């Protein structure tokens, strides 16, 4: 059996999870930015004369827009492998889970999918996102 040259083979068990979490966070951020701009601009995407838990349609739009921009900033931090990006990603994904619960009556399918995307993002960032993720390869 041939041995593996350690200089050419470096194990990073969390790289795929981190990139996956960053891409999903960026995708959800873009969707929140689009929905926020649509709500601020009184788009026909939203129902007329609807009652919102938080203010009116414009307030809801600004809230989604700010959340989306924060998600894009967190995705950038994740892609550049910073600790602040990891923790901002966890916080923003948790905040977006609450936002999706509020949005559940208006778009249940999309809200549930985005909720579970946030669960996957949090799992990936908390499990594999730390500075000590290389030590996970040495456990066996």
Protein backbone atom coordinates (compact mmCIF):
# COMPACT_ATOMS: atom_id res chain seq x y z
CA UNK A 1 0.00 0.00 0.00
CA UNK A 2 1.42 3.36 -1.03
CA UNK A 3 1.78 6.06 1.56
CA UNK A 4 0.49 9.55 0.99
CA UNK A 5 3.06 12.34 0.88
CA UNK A 6 1.97 14.73 3.69
CA UNK A 7 3.48 17.72 1.93
CA UNK A 8 1.05 17.40 -1.00
CA UNK A 9 -2.05 16.29 0.89
CA UNK A 10 -3.49 18.62 3.49
CA UNK A 11 -6.80 17.70 5.08
CA UNK A 12 -9.30 20.49 5.61
CA UNK A 13 -12.54 18.76 6.58
CA UNK A 14 -14.59 21.93 6.83
CA UNK A 15 -13.67 23.76 3.63
CA UNK A 16 -16.66 22.45 1.68
CA UNK A 17 -19.09 23.25 4.50
CA UNK A 18 -17.70 26.77 4.90
CA UNK A 19 -17.93 27.54 1.18
CA UNK A 20 -21.42 26.02 1.04
CA UNK A 21 -22.54 28.15 4.00
CA UNK A 22 -21.02 31.27 2.42
CA UNK A 23 -22.72 30.67 -0.93
CA UNK A 24 -26.09 29.99 0.70
CA UNK A 25 -25.77 33.08 2.89
CA UNK A 26 -24.94 35.19 -0.17
CA UNK A 27 -27.89 33.72 -2.10
CA UNK A 28 -30.35 34.39 0.72
CA UNK A 29 -28.84 37.87 1.10
CA UNK A 30 -29.48 38.65 -2.58
CA UNK A 31 -33.08 37.40 -2.24
CA UNK A 32 -33.64 39.58 0.83
CA UNK A 33 -32.18 42.62 -0.96
CA UNK A 34 -34.49 42.04 -3.94
CA UNK A 35 -37.54 41.58 -1.73
CA UNK A 36 -36.59 44.61 0.36
CA UNK A 37 -36.26 46.84 -2.71
CA UNK A 38 -39.56 45.49 -4.03
CA UNK A 39 -41.32 46.29 -0.76
CA UNK A 40 -39.82 49.79 -0.54
CA UNK A 41 -40.85 50.51 -4.13
CA UNK A 42 -44.48 49.34 -3.65
CA UNK A 43 -44.00 46.52 -6.15
CA UNK A 44 -46.91 44.34 -7.20
CA UNK A 45 -45.01 41.43 -5.69
CA UNK A 46 -46.75 42.16 -2.40
CA UNK A 47 -50.46 42.20 -1.70
CA UNK A 48 -52.26 45.49 -1.42
CA UNK A 49 -53.84 46.43 1.95
CA UNK A 50 -52.04 43.70 3.87
CA UNK A 51 -51.47 43.99 7.61
CA UNK A 52 -47.87 43.63 8.75
CA UNK A 53 -46.61 42.70 12.17
CA UNK A 54 -43.81 45.27 11.96
CA UNK A 55 -45.06 48.66 10.73
CA UNK A 56 -46.10 48.91 7.11
CA UNK A 57 -44.75 47.65 3.79
CA UNK A 58 -41.98 50.27 3.66
CA UNK A 59 -40.75 49.37 7.16
CA UNK A 60 -40.79 45.69 6.25
CA UNK A 61 -38.87 46.48 3.04
CA UNK A 62 -36.15 48.41 4.86
CA UNK A 63 -35.85 45.63 7.40
CA UNK A 64 -35.36 43.00 4.66
CA UNK A 65 -32.96 45.23 2.74
CA UNK A 66 -30.75 45.82 5.78
CA UNK A 67 -30.83 42.11 6.65
CA UNK A 68 -29.84 41.21 3.08
CA UNK A 69 -26.93 43.65 3.03
CA UNK A 70 -25.72 42.27 6.37
CA UNK A 71 -25.94 38.75 4.93
CA UNK A 72 -23.82 39.78 1.95
CA UNK A 73 -21.23 41.36 4.26
CA UNK A 74 -21.17 38.17 6.35
CA UNK A 75 -20.75 36.06 3.19
CA UNK A 76 -17.76 38.22 2.22
CA UNK A 77 -16.28 37.67 5.68
CA UNK A 78 -16.80 33.92 5.33
CA UNK A 79 -15.17 33.84 1.89
CA UNK A 80 -12.14 35.69 3.26
CA UNK A 81 -11.96 33.21 6.20
CA UNK A 82 -12.33 35.75 9.02
CA UNK A 83 -13.65 35.00 12.50
CA UNK A 84 -15.90 38.08 12.43
CA UNK A 85 -17.44 36.78 9.20
CA UNK A 86 -18.16 33.43 10.80
CA UNK A 87 -19.85 34.91 13.86
CA UNK A 88 -21.69 37.58 11.87
CA UNK A 89 -22.93 34.78 9.60
CA UNK A 90 -24.26 32.83 12.58
CA UNK A 91 -25.97 35.91 14.06
CA UNK A 92 -27.46 37.04 10.75
CA UNK A 93 -28.66 33.52 9.89
CA UNK A 94 -30.38 33.36 13.28
CA UNK A 95 -31.93 36.79 12.69
CA UNK A 96 -33.10 35.69 9.25
CA UNK A 97 -34.79 32.65 10.81
CA UNK A 98 -36.93 35.08 12.85
CA UNK A 99 -37.59 37.18 9.74
CA UNK A 100 -38.77 34.08 7.90
CA UNK A 101 -41.19 33.23 10.71
CA UNK A 102 -42.67 36.71 10.35
CA UNK A 103 -42.87 36.26 6.55
CA UNK A 104 -44.41 32.78 6.82
CA UNK A 105 -48.05 33.84 6.19
CA UNK A 106 -47.22 35.77 3.01
CA UNK A 107 -44.92 33.21 1.33
CA UNK A 108 -44.93 29.92 3.25
CA UNK A 109 -42.90 27.85 0.79
CA UNK A 110 -40.13 30.38 0.38
CA UNK A 111 -40.04 31.15 4.10
CA UNK A 112 -39.67 27.46 5.04
CA UNK A 113 -36.92 26.88 2.48
CA UNK A 114 -35.00 29.97 3.59
CA UNK A 115 -35.47 28.93 7.23
CA UNK A 116 -33.87 25.54 6.60
CA UNK A 117 -31.09 27.15 4.56
CA UNK A 118 -30.30 29.22 7.65
CA UNK A 119 -30.21 26.04 9.75
CA UNK A 120 -27.64 24.54 7.35
CA UNK A 121 -25.59 27.76 7.38
CA UNK A 122 -25.50 27.84 11.19
CA UNK A 123 -24.55 24.14 11.33
CA UNK A 124 -21.71 24.57 8.84
CA UNK A 125 -20.32 27.70 10.46
CA UNK A 126 -20.47 26.43 14.04
CA UNK A 127 -19.19 22.94 13.29
CA UNK A 128 -16.44 23.67 10.78
CA UNK A 129 -15.86 27.41 10.86
CA UNK A 130 -13.43 27.85 13.71
CA UNK A 131 -9.71 28.38 13.60
CA UNK A 132 -9.21 24.89 15.02
CA UNK A 133 -11.03 23.09 12.20
CA UNK A 134 -7.72 21.58 11.03
CA UNK A 135 -7.59 19.66 14.32
CA UNK A 136 -10.74 17.80 13.23
CA UNK A 137 -8.60 15.85 10.75
CA UNK A 138 -6.36 14.53 13.54
CA UNK A 139 -9.08 12.86 15.61
CA UNK A 140 -8.64 9.30 14.25
